[in-house]
Amino acid sequence: MRILYCIPHLYNSGGMERVLTQKVNWLAARTEHEISILTTEPAPAGSPKCYFPLSEKVQVVELNIDFNADYTKPLLPKYYAHMRRMRMYKRALTEYIVQHGIDLCISLGGKEIAFLRHLPCRTIAEMHFAMNQRRQLIEANHKSLFWSLVGEVRTKQLVQAVKPLERLVVLTDADKAAWEKAGCTNVTVIPNPCAINNSQFSILNSQFPKTVMAVGRLHEQKGFDLLLQAWQPIEKHYPEWQLRIVGEGPQRAALERQIREQGLEHVVLAGRTADVAKEYAAASLFVLSSRYEGLPLALIEAMWCGTPCVAFDCPQGPVELLADGRGWLVENGNVEKLTQQIVYAISHPDEAKARAKKAQAFAQATYSEAAIMPRWIRIIEQHE
């Protein structure tokens, strides 16, 4: 079978890029399927075309449509430029499918989702964010009733686009329920597998150093601005502790400015890393401060590695991961309670270790490749 994955880009170090490369590497090594990945956004100068290692058996097709080029234009010119690029993309994607005999196209929720149902092959969408992600993203950047209404319209458009597809794969039971409530009858839950193997963290938390860490793209979605607010009183009372934020993104300058304005001296914006397991190994506590998620890969990784976890109870994912005493959940967006919970966690290391041990057993049993990938095989090969 010839399988084509569609994703905006591979040059970023984000969770979606990591999961896709992990899955196609697994498929390339264990099946006879021919796999290709099609991207629309050109890599910035100096960036690798693919951040994570990719099997030589997997072909990458770069269309370089560059939807981001129109992002800063006024609304009306931006709309017409976007539609022109959409027509270019639909034509190029359709031609590629026909010319290369693609049997199955799997979208990771990029621009092609709008016309995925019209492509001349089997079509599946896998969503790495919750159903209302479009509205959440718009509201994170625009604060007005008009933009909230735009977000609602965009969500309804997304629902209508995925209803006719062969399959809609989501990450959590809660999100499945939301899609089904919206009228979708084609929904299947398959979580993302963890990319860390056991050999990478044999010495994790052996010394339990005084570091609180967070991992993710420096983007408003991840709520690192909220985490910095929560950290300010902690730094005053626990000056021997450090906050380390691992990741890169468009909010770096804003976060650096916030760090200066708050007078924070024990915060490190560490940038990207090729060895995230090493980062978890250096941490006493992991904090997820996201405003919204799909199923947070960084939280799964931290649990897998045995790092105690505190998370905002944001939609979707954290409650399913940290339930039953596997960590601590905090009311979504409540900075004061986040501060209190971090203080409690670092002040009660024995309880933190006990919760982390429970979380580690759960994560390794639930989110391994051995548990997840056979479910994808059944979908791809139409065994269910």
Protein backbone atom coordinates (compact mmCIF):
# COMPACT_ATOMS: atom_id res chain seq x y z
CA MET A 1 0.00 0.00 0.00
CA ARG A 2 1.17 3.54 -0.77
CA ILE A 3 0.54 5.90 2.14
CA LEU A 4 0.90 9.68 2.05
CA TYR A 5 1.04 11.78 5.23
CA CYS A 6 0.33 15.52 5.03
CA ILE A 7 1.84 17.88 7.61
CA PRO A 8 2.69 21.60 7.34
CA HIS A 9 6.41 21.05 8.01
CA LEU A 10 9.02 18.76 9.56
CA TYR A 11 11.69 21.30 10.48
CA ASN A 12 10.21 22.11 13.89
CA SER A 13 10.94 20.20 17.10
CA GLY A 14 7.27 20.00 18.06
CA GLY A 15 5.34 17.01 19.32
CA MET A 16 3.40 16.51 16.09
CA GLU A 17 6.59 16.32 14.04
CA ARG A 18 8.17 13.98 16.56
CA VAL A 19 5.19 11.63 16.65
CA LEU A 20 4.87 11.50 12.86
CA THR A 21 8.52 10.67 12.28
CA GLN A 22 8.37 8.05 15.03
CA LYS A 23 5.30 6.38 13.49
CA VAL A 24 6.54 6.35 9.90
CA ASN A 25 9.94 5.01 11.02
CA TRP A 26 8.10 2.19 12.80
CA LEU A 27 5.97 1.45 9.74
CA ALA A 28 8.96 1.58 7.38
CA ALA A 29 10.89 -0.87 9.54
CA ARG A 30 8.09 -3.37 10.11
CA THR A 31 5.78 -3.28 7.08
CA GLU A 32 5.99 -3.34 3.30
CA HIS A 33 3.97 -0.16 2.87
CA GLU A 34 5.52 2.63 0.80
CA ILE A 35 5.40 5.85 2.81
CA SER A 36 5.84 9.48 1.82
CA ILE A 37 5.36 12.75 3.68
CA LEU A 38 4.17 15.91 1.95
CA THR A 39 4.83 19.37 3.47
CA THR A 40 3.53 22.80 2.51
CA GLU A 41 5.81 25.20 4.44
CA PRO A 42 9.44 25.83 3.44
CA ALA A 43 12.06 25.42 6.15
CA PRO A 44 13.60 28.70 7.36
CA ALA A 45 17.16 29.40 6.24
CA GLY A 46 19.57 27.38 8.32
CA SER A 47 16.94 24.99 9.66
CA PRO A 48 17.03 21.26 8.87
CA LYS A 49 14.27 20.07 6.57
CA CYS A 50 13.50 17.34 9.10
CA TYR A 51 14.38 17.96 12.74
CA PHE A 52 13.96 14.36 13.92
CA PRO A 53 15.70 11.32 12.36
CA LEU A 54 13.74 9.88 9.46
CA SER A 55 14.06 6.48 7.79
CA GLU A 56 15.70 6.47 4.36
CA LYS A 57 12.72 4.46 3.18
CA VAL A 58 10.42 7.45 3.70
CA GLN A 59 10.26 10.05 0.93
CA VAL A 60 9.65 13.72 1.78
CA VAL A 61 7.87 15.87 -0.80
CA GLU A 62 8.19 19.64 -0.32
CA LEU A 63 5.55 21.73 -2.09
CA ASN A 64 6.68 25.05 -0.55
CA ILE A 65 3.22 26.57 -0.84
CA ASP A 66 4.14 28.87 2.08
CA PHE A 67 0.78 29.73 3.63
CA ASN A 68 2.62 31.65 6.36
CA ALA A 69 3.77 34.26 3.83
CA ASP A 70 0.35 35.93 3.99
CA TYR A 71 -0.03 35.91 7.77
CA THR A 72 0.67 39.61 8.38
CA LYS A 73 -1.50 40.96 5.55
CA PRO A 74 -4.76 42.82 6.27
CA LEU A 75 -7.79 40.58 6.60
CA LEU A 76 -9.29 40.88 3.09
CA PRO A 77 -6.02 40.63 1.09
CA LYS A 78 -4.98 37.83 3.42
CA TYR A 79 -8.21 35.93 2.65
CA TYR A 80 -7.80 36.19 -1.15
CA ALA A 81 -4.11 35.26 -0.99
CA HIS A 82 -4.97 32.29 1.21
CA MET A 83 -7.64 31.04 -1.17
CA ARG A 84 -5.21 31.33 -4.09
CA ARG A 85 -2.67 29.20 -2.22
CA MET A 86 -5.41 26.72 -1.28
CA ARG A 87 -6.24 26.22 -4.95
CA MET A 88 -2.55 25.70 -5.70
CA TYR A 89 -2.29 23.18 -2.88
CA LYS A 90 -5.38 21.20 -3.83
CA ARG A 91 -4.22 20.94 -7.43
CA ALA A 92 -0.67 19.90 -6.48
CA LEU A 93 -1.80 17.37 -3.89
CA THR A 94 -4.36 15.81 -6.21
CA GLU A 95 -1.80 15.52 -8.99
CA TYR A 96 0.70 13.87 -6.68
CA ILE A 97 -1.86 11.33 -5.48
CA VAL A 98 -2.85 10.39 -9.04
CA GLN A 99 0.68 10.32 -10.46
CA HIS A 100 2.09 8.19 -7.63
CA GLY A 101 -0.88 5.87 -7.13
CA ILE A 102 -1.46 6.83 -3.49
CA ASP A 103 -3.91 4.49 -1.78
CA LEU A 104 -4.31 6.32 1.54
CA CYS A 105 -3.82 9.97 2.48
CA ILE A 106 -3.55 10.76 6.20
CA SER A 107 -3.86 14.41 7.19
CA LEU A 108 -2.48 15.73 10.47
CA GLY A 109 -5.01 18.54 10.41
CA GLY A 110 -3.26 20.97 8.07
CA LYS A 111 -4.78 23.11 5.32
CA GLU A 112 -5.71 20.04 3.26
CA ILE A 113 -8.37 19.13 5.81
CA ALA A 114 -10.72 21.56 4.02
CA PHE A 115 -10.74 19.45 0.84
CA LEU A 116 -9.51 16.09 2.10
CA ARG A 117 -12.83 14.37 1.41
CA HIS A 118 -12.54 15.26 -2.30
CA LEU A 119 -9.16 13.61 -2.88
CA PRO A 120 -9.02 10.55 -5.19
CA CYS A 121 -7.98 8.00 -2.52
CA ARG A 122 -8.88 6.78 0.96
CA THR A 123 -8.70 9.63 3.47
CA ILE A 124 -8.09 9.70 7.23
CA ALA A 125 -7.58 12.66 9.55
CA GLU A 126 -5.59 12.37 12.76
CA MET A 127 -6.13 15.28 15.11
CA HIS A 128 -3.40 16.22 17.57
CA PHE A 129 -5.54 18.94 19.14
CA ALA A 130 -9.00 19.08 20.65
CA MET A 131 -12.03 19.72 18.45
CA ASN A 132 -12.26 23.43 19.37
CA GLN A 133 -8.53 24.07 18.81
CA ARG A 134 -9.22 26.52 15.99
CA ARG A 135 -11.35 28.67 18.27
CA GLN A 136 -8.82 28.41 21.09
CA LEU A 137 -5.98 29.43 18.78
CA ILE A 138 -7.87 32.44 17.43
CA GLU A 139 -8.93 33.58 20.90
CA ALA A 140 -5.36 33.25 22.13
CA ASN A 141 -4.28 35.86 19.56
CA HIS A 142 -7.39 38.06 19.25
CA LYS A 143 -9.50 39.25 22.19
CA SER A 144 -12.91 40.31 20.88
CA LEU A 145 -16.41 39.00 20.29
CA PHE A 146 -15.87 39.15 16.52
CA TRP A 147 -12.88 36.82 16.67
CA SER A 148 -14.68 34.48 19.06
CA LEU A 149 -17.44 34.18 16.47
CA VAL A 150 -14.84 33.57 13.76
CA GLY A 151 -13.46 30.80 15.95
CA GLU A 152 -16.89 29.20 16.28
CA VAL A 153 -17.37 29.30 12.51
CA ARG A 154 -13.91 27.76 11.96
CA THR A 155 -14.75 24.94 14.37
CA LYS A 156 -18.03 24.21 12.56
CA GLN A 157 -16.18 24.20 9.23
CA LEU A 158 -13.72 21.68 10.63
CA VAL A 159 -16.50 19.40 11.83
CA GLN A 160 -18.18 19.47 8.41
CA ALA A 161 -14.85 18.75 6.70
CA VAL A 162 -14.11 15.59 8.69
CA LYS A 163 -17.61 14.08 8.85
CA PRO A 164 -17.40 12.37 5.40
CA LEU A 165 -13.90 10.93 5.92
CA GLU A 166 -13.28 7.23 6.27
CA ARG A 167 -11.90 7.76 9.76
CA LEU A 168 -11.21 10.55 12.23
CA VAL A 169 -8.54 9.55 14.74
CA VAL A 170 -8.35 11.56 17.98
CA LEU A 171 -6.17 11.27 21.06
CA THR A 172 -8.57 11.08 24.02
CA ASP A 173 -11.96 9.68 24.98
CA ALA A 174 -13.09 13.18 26.00
CA ASP A 175 -12.32 14.54 22.55
CA LYS A 176 -14.05 11.58 20.91
CA ALA A 177 -17.18 12.41 22.89
CA ALA A 178 -17.00 16.05 21.75
CA TRP A 179 -16.69 15.09 18.08
CA GLU A 180 -19.55 12.61 18.35
CA LYS A 181 -21.72 15.22 20.05
CA ALA A 182 -21.02 17.44 17.03
CA GLY A 183 -22.35 14.71 14.73
CA CYS A 184 -19.27 12.74 13.68
CA THR A 185 -19.81 8.97 13.55
CA ASN A 186 -16.35 8.00 12.23
CA VAL A 187 -14.27 8.68 15.36
CA THR A 188 -11.58 6.35 16.75
CA VAL A 189 -9.26 6.98 19.70
CA ILE A 190 -5.56 6.19 19.23
CA PRO A 191 -3.16 8.01 21.59
CA ASN A 192 0.34 8.99 20.54
CA PRO A 193 3.17 6.63 21.51
CA CYS A 194 6.04 7.82 23.67
CA ALA A 195 9.30 8.19 21.75
CA ILE A 196 11.62 7.62 24.72
CA ASN A 197 13.00 4.12 25.22
CA ASN A 198 13.87 2.66 28.60
CA SER A 199 17.63 2.72 28.03
CA GLN A 200 17.56 6.52 27.89
CA PHE A 201 16.61 7.10 31.51
CA SER A 202 18.24 4.41 33.62
CA ILE A 203 19.65 7.11 35.93
CA LEU A 204 16.65 9.40 36.03
CA ASN A 205 16.00 11.27 39.26
CA SER A 206 18.85 9.47 41.02
CA GLN A 207 19.86 12.72 42.74
CA PHE A 208 16.57 14.64 42.44
CA PRO A 209 18.19 18.05 41.82
CA LYS A 210 16.28 21.26 42.49
CA THR A 211 15.02 21.97 38.99
CA VAL A 212 11.44 22.50 37.83
CA MET A 213 11.11 22.02 34.08
CA ALA A 214 8.63 22.62 31.29
CA VAL A 215 8.84 21.47 27.68
CA GLY A 216 7.14 22.79 24.57
CA ARG A 217 7.07 25.27 21.74
CA LEU A 218 7.34 28.86 22.95
CA HIS A 219 3.80 29.70 21.94
CA GLU A 220 0.86 31.24 23.77
CA GLN A 221 -0.90 27.87 23.77
CA LYS A 222 1.72 26.46 26.14
CA GLY A 223 1.07 29.10 28.81
CA PHE A 224 4.70 29.74 29.71
CA ASP A 225 3.73 33.35 30.49
CA LEU A 226 1.40 31.95 33.17
CA LEU A 227 4.15 29.67 34.43
CA LEU A 228 6.50 32.65 34.84
CA GLN A 229 3.82 34.46 36.84
CA ALA A 230 3.43 31.39 39.05
CA TRP A 231 7.19 31.11 39.45
CA GLN A 232 7.81 34.63 40.77
CA PRO A 233 6.77 33.98 44.41
CA ILE A 234 8.46 30.56 44.33
CA GLU A 235 11.78 32.11 43.36
CA LYS A 236 11.57 34.55 46.27
CA HIS A 237 11.00 31.83 48.87
CA TYR A 238 13.06 29.04 47.25
CA PRO A 239 16.05 30.81 45.65
CA GLU A 240 17.98 27.55 45.38
CA TRP A 241 15.43 26.24 42.85
CA GLN A 242 15.58 26.80 39.08
CA LEU A 243 12.89 26.89 36.40
CA ARG A 244 14.07 25.46 33.07
CA ILE A 245 11.89 25.82 29.96
CA VAL A 246 12.98 23.61 27.06
CA GLY A 247 11.79 24.56 23.57
CA GLU A 248 11.86 27.30 20.97
CA GLY A 249 9.26 29.40 19.24
CA PRO A 250 7.77 32.80 18.40
CA GLN A 251 7.20 33.87 22.01
CA ARG A 252 10.88 33.80 23.03
CA ALA A 253 11.30 37.59 22.92
CA ALA A 254 8.08 38.15 24.87
CA LEU A 255 9.10 35.62 27.52
CA GLU A 256 12.57 37.11 27.81
CA ARG A 257 10.98 40.52 28.33
CA GLN A 258 8.63 39.10 30.96
CA ILE A 259 11.57 37.50 32.79
CA ARG A 260 13.34 40.88 32.91
CA GLU A 261 10.23 42.78 33.98
CA GLN A 262 9.48 40.31 36.78
CA GLY A 263 13.11 40.39 37.90
CA LEU A 264 13.45 36.61 37.67
CA GLU A 265 17.01 35.36 38.14
CA HIS A 266 16.57 31.61 38.20
CA VAL A 267 14.76 30.96 34.91
CA VAL A 268 16.47 29.42 31.88
CA LEU A 269 15.01 29.37 28.36
CA ALA A 270 17.07 26.40 27.24
CA GLY A 271 16.05 26.24 23.58
CA ARG A 272 15.64 23.04 21.61
CA THR A 273 17.24 19.75 22.56
CA ALA A 274 17.91 16.52 20.70
CA ASP A 275 18.02 14.61 24.02
CA VAL A 276 14.81 15.38 25.88
CA ALA A 277 15.29 12.34 28.14
CA LYS A 278 18.40 13.98 29.54
CA GLU A 279 16.33 17.06 30.39
CA TYR A 280 13.78 15.00 32.28
CA ALA A 281 16.66 13.31 34.09
CA ALA A 282 17.82 16.69 35.37
CA ALA A 283 14.43 17.68 36.78
CA SER A 284 12.76 17.27 40.14
CA LEU A 285 9.36 18.29 38.83
CA PHE A 286 7.64 18.75 35.46
CA VAL A 287 4.96 21.44 35.00
CA LEU A 288 2.44 21.64 32.14
CA SER A 289 0.99 25.16 32.01
CA SER A 290 -0.86 24.87 28.67
CA ARG A 291 -4.08 26.73 27.99
CA TYR A 292 -5.25 23.80 25.83
CA GLU A 293 -3.84 20.54 24.44
CA GLY A 294 -4.76 17.45 22.48
CA LEU A 295 -2.90 14.82 24.45
CA PRO A 296 0.29 16.49 25.77
CA LEU A 297 3.27 14.45 24.61
CA ALA A 298 5.63 16.23 27.00
CA LEU A 299 3.46 15.19 29.94
CA ILE A 300 3.48 11.57 28.77
CA GLU A 301 7.27 11.71 28.41
CA ALA A 302 7.72 13.14 31.89
CA MET A 303 5.49 10.42 33.35
CA TRP A 304 7.33 7.75 31.33
CA CYS A 305 10.63 8.96 32.75
CA GLY A 306 9.42 8.98 36.34
CA THR A 307 9.44 12.76 36.77
CA PRO A 308 6.70 14.03 39.15
CA CYS A 309 4.11 16.13 37.32
CA VAL A 310 1.87 19.14 37.95
CA ALA A 311 -0.51 20.27 35.20
CA PHE A 312 -3.28 22.70 34.48
CA ASP A 313 -6.52 20.77 33.99
CA CYS A 314 -6.78 22.13 30.44
CA PRO A 315 -8.76 20.56 27.61
CA GLN A 316 -7.81 17.87 26.62
CA GLY A 317 -5.58 15.20 28.13
CA PRO A 318 -4.12 16.06 31.54
CA VAL A 319 -7.06 14.72 33.54
CA GLU A 320 -6.86 11.38 31.73
CA LEU A 321 -3.12 11.18 32.29
CA LEU A 322 -2.82 12.29 35.92
CA ALA A 323 -6.01 10.81 37.37
CA ASP A 324 -5.90 8.30 40.24
CA GLY A 325 -3.01 9.97 42.03
CA ARG A 326 -0.51 9.92 39.15
CA GLY A 327 0.26 13.61 39.62
CA TRP A 328 -1.41 16.88 40.55
CA LEU A 329 -4.06 18.76 38.55
CA VAL A 330 -4.66 22.49 38.97
CA GLU A 331 -7.68 24.53 37.89
CA ASN A 332 -6.99 25.62 34.32
CA GLY A 333 -5.42 29.07 34.16
CA ASN A 334 -5.36 29.62 37.94
CA VAL A 335 -1.84 30.99 38.47
CA GLU A 336 -2.13 31.28 42.26
CA LYS A 337 -3.13 27.63 42.63
CA LEU A 338 -0.34 26.60 40.26
CA THR A 339 2.15 28.34 42.53
CA GLN A 340 0.70 26.59 45.56
CA GLN A 341 0.82 23.17 43.91
CA ILE A 342 4.42 23.55 42.75
CA VAL A 343 5.42 24.59 46.28
CA TYR A 344 3.59 21.59 47.72
CA ALA A 345 5.24 19.20 45.27
CA ILE A 346 8.79 20.40 45.92
CA SER A 347 8.12 20.43 49.67
CA HIS A 348 6.87 16.83 49.73
CA PRO A 349 9.47 14.84 47.72
CA ASP A 350 8.40 11.43 49.06
CA GLU A 351 4.81 11.95 47.93
CA ALA A 352 6.07 13.30 44.60
CA LYS A 353 8.20 10.21 44.05
CA ALA A 354 5.30 7.90 44.92
CA ARG A 355 2.99 9.64 42.43
CA ALA A 356 5.73 9.62 39.79
CA LYS A 357 6.27 5.89 40.22
CA LYS A 358 2.56 5.25 39.71
CA ALA A 359 2.52 7.54 36.67
CA GLN A 360 5.56 5.82 35.17
CA ALA A 361 3.97 2.37 35.35
CA PHE A 362 0.78 3.72 33.75
CA ALA A 363 2.59 5.56 30.93
CA GLN A 364 4.84 2.65 30.00
CA ALA A 365 1.90 0.24 29.91
CA THR A 366 -0.38 2.55 27.95
CA TYR A 367 1.76 4.61 25.56
CA SER A 368 4.45 2.28 24.25
CA GLU A 369 4.86 1.65 20.52
CA ALA A 370 3.93 -1.98 21.17
CA ALA A 371 0.59 -0.87 22.60
CA ILE A 372 -0.20 1.89 20.09
CA MET A 373 1.13 0.98 16.62
CA PRO A 374 -0.87 -2.25 16.08
CA ARG A 375 -3.99 -0.13 16.43
CA TRP A 376 -2.78 2.02 13.54
CA ILE A 377 -2.04 -1.08 11.46
CA ARG A 378 -5.63 -2.25 11.90
CA ILE A 379 -6.92 1.14 10.70
CA ILE A 380 -4.51 1.43 7.78
CA GLU A 381 -5.08 -2.13 6.58
CA GLN A 382 -8.85 -1.92 7.20
CA HIS A 383 -8.99 -4.74 9.70
CA GLU A 384 -11.57 -2.88 11.77
